[in-house]
């Protein structure tokens, strides 16, 4: 597993939860962790490096705090984005996988 490169204001949630990380297994990219926005309103949680980016955009349904499901998009440029607005103090589970083929 490699550490995720975080966007402005984002970082690991901590408290014994998995850190924001990614790995590749063949053509499958796996992302995991619990991340939090400590300041600002940046929608970009982090960016996957070249070789770990989807060939088509990916949509992921995940959880945010106690409000229920939200959507996270992974762009072909590797950006992992919260859709619908990011607010200071929010946390997001980023546990998903996608295929490069």
Protein backbone atom coordinates (compact mmCIF):
# COMPACT_ATOMS: atom_id res chain seq x y z
CA UNK A 1 0.00 0.00 0.00
CA UNK A 2 1.18 3.54 -0.81
CA UNK A 3 0.13 6.73 0.94
CA UNK A 4 -2.44 8.88 -0.87
CA UNK A 5 -1.33 12.37 -1.89
CA UNK A 6 -3.94 14.59 -0.16
CA UNK A 7 -5.64 17.71 -1.45
CA UNK A 8 -5.63 20.99 0.50
CA UNK A 9 -7.04 20.57 4.01
CA UNK A 10 -7.47 16.78 3.72
CA UNK A 11 -5.61 14.14 5.75
CA UNK A 12 -5.98 10.88 7.57
CA UNK A 13 -8.77 10.72 10.15
CA UNK A 14 -6.50 8.93 12.62
CA UNK A 15 -7.75 7.32 15.81
CA UNK A 16 -6.68 3.85 14.71
CA UNK A 17 -8.59 3.95 11.40
CA UNK A 18 -6.90 3.00 8.13
CA UNK A 19 -4.88 5.75 6.47
CA UNK A 20 -5.70 6.96 2.97
CA UNK A 21 -3.81 4.56 0.72
CA UNK A 22 -3.89 2.92 -2.70
CA UNK A 23 -2.41 -0.14 -4.40
CA UNK A 24 -2.50 -1.99 -7.68
CA UNK A 25 -3.18 -5.69 -8.16
CA UNK A 26 -2.92 -6.43 -11.88
CA UNK A 27 -5.51 -4.16 -13.55
CA UNK A 28 -7.39 -3.53 -10.29
CA UNK A 29 -6.77 -0.34 -8.29
CA UNK A 30 -7.77 -0.47 -4.63
CA UNK A 31 -8.21 2.58 -2.41
CA UNK A 32 -8.83 2.49 1.33
CA UNK A 33 -8.94 4.65 4.41
CA UNK A 34 -10.88 7.10 6.49
CA UNK A 35 -9.99 10.69 5.65
CA UNK A 36 -11.08 14.04 7.06
CA UNK A 37 -11.20 17.67 5.93
CA UNK A 38 -9.60 19.70 8.72
CA UNK A 39 -9.85 23.10 7.03
CA UNK A 40 -11.40 24.78 4.01
CA UNK A 41 -13.92 23.42 1.52
CA UNK A 42 -11.73 21.66 -1.05
CA UNK A 43 -13.68 18.91 -2.80
CA UNK A 44 -10.47 17.12 -3.87
CA UNK A 45 -9.60 14.50 -1.26
CA UNK A 46 -6.44 13.49 -3.09
CA UNK A 47 -4.92 12.43 -6.38
CA UNK A 48 -3.85 9.03 -7.65
CA UNK A 49 -0.53 8.97 -9.55
CA UNK A 50 -0.10 8.04 -13.19
CA UNK A 51 -0.56 4.30 -13.68
CA UNK A 52 -3.30 4.22 -11.02
CA UNK A 53 -5.88 6.41 -12.79
CA UNK A 54 -9.06 5.09 -14.40
CA UNK A 55 -9.45 5.19 -18.18
CA UNK A 56 -13.07 6.26 -17.60
CA UNK A 57 -14.41 8.32 -14.70
CA UNK A 58 -15.57 6.28 -11.71
CA UNK A 59 -18.48 7.01 -9.35
CA UNK A 60 -18.38 5.64 -5.81
CA UNK A 61 -21.11 5.71 -3.18
CA UNK A 62 -19.63 6.13 0.30
CA UNK A 63 -20.44 7.45 3.78
CA UNK A 64 -19.89 10.88 5.27
CA UNK A 65 -20.31 11.42 9.01
CA UNK A 66 -23.81 10.45 10.12
CA UNK A 67 -25.66 12.04 7.23
CA UNK A 68 -25.66 8.96 5.06
CA UNK A 69 -24.38 8.26 1.58
CA UNK A 70 -22.53 10.72 -0.63
CA UNK A 71 -20.83 10.35 -3.98
CA UNK A 72 -17.10 10.36 -4.62
CA UNK A 73 -15.83 10.66 -8.20
CA UNK A 74 -12.45 9.46 -9.43
CA UNK A 75 -11.50 11.36 -12.58
CA UNK A 76 -9.29 10.19 -15.43
CA UNK A 77 -6.74 12.72 -14.10
CA UNK A 78 -6.65 10.78 -10.82
CA UNK A 79 -8.52 13.29 -8.66
CA UNK A 80 -10.69 11.77 -5.93
CA UNK A 81 -13.49 14.32 -5.43
CA UNK A 82 -16.39 14.71 -3.02
CA UNK A 83 -19.52 15.60 -5.02
CA UNK A 84 -22.09 17.93 -3.50
CA UNK A 85 -19.85 20.14 -1.42
CA UNK A 86 -17.10 19.64 1.13
CA UNK A 87 -17.25 21.18 4.60
CA UNK A 88 -14.64 21.53 7.29
CA UNK A 89 -14.90 18.67 9.78
CA UNK A 90 -16.37 16.15 7.37
CA UNK A 91 -14.96 12.65 7.17
CA UNK A 92 -15.19 10.24 4.25
CA UNK A 93 -14.61 6.50 3.94
CA UNK A 94 -12.72 5.90 0.70
CA UNK A 95 -12.88 2.12 0.46
CA UNK A 96 -13.36 1.11 -3.17
CA UNK A 97 -11.75 -0.56 -6.18
CA UNK A 98 -11.94 -0.16 -9.94
CA UNK A 99 -10.53 -1.84 -13.02
CA UNK A 100 -8.14 -0.14 -15.42
CA UNK A 101 -9.42 -2.21 -18.35
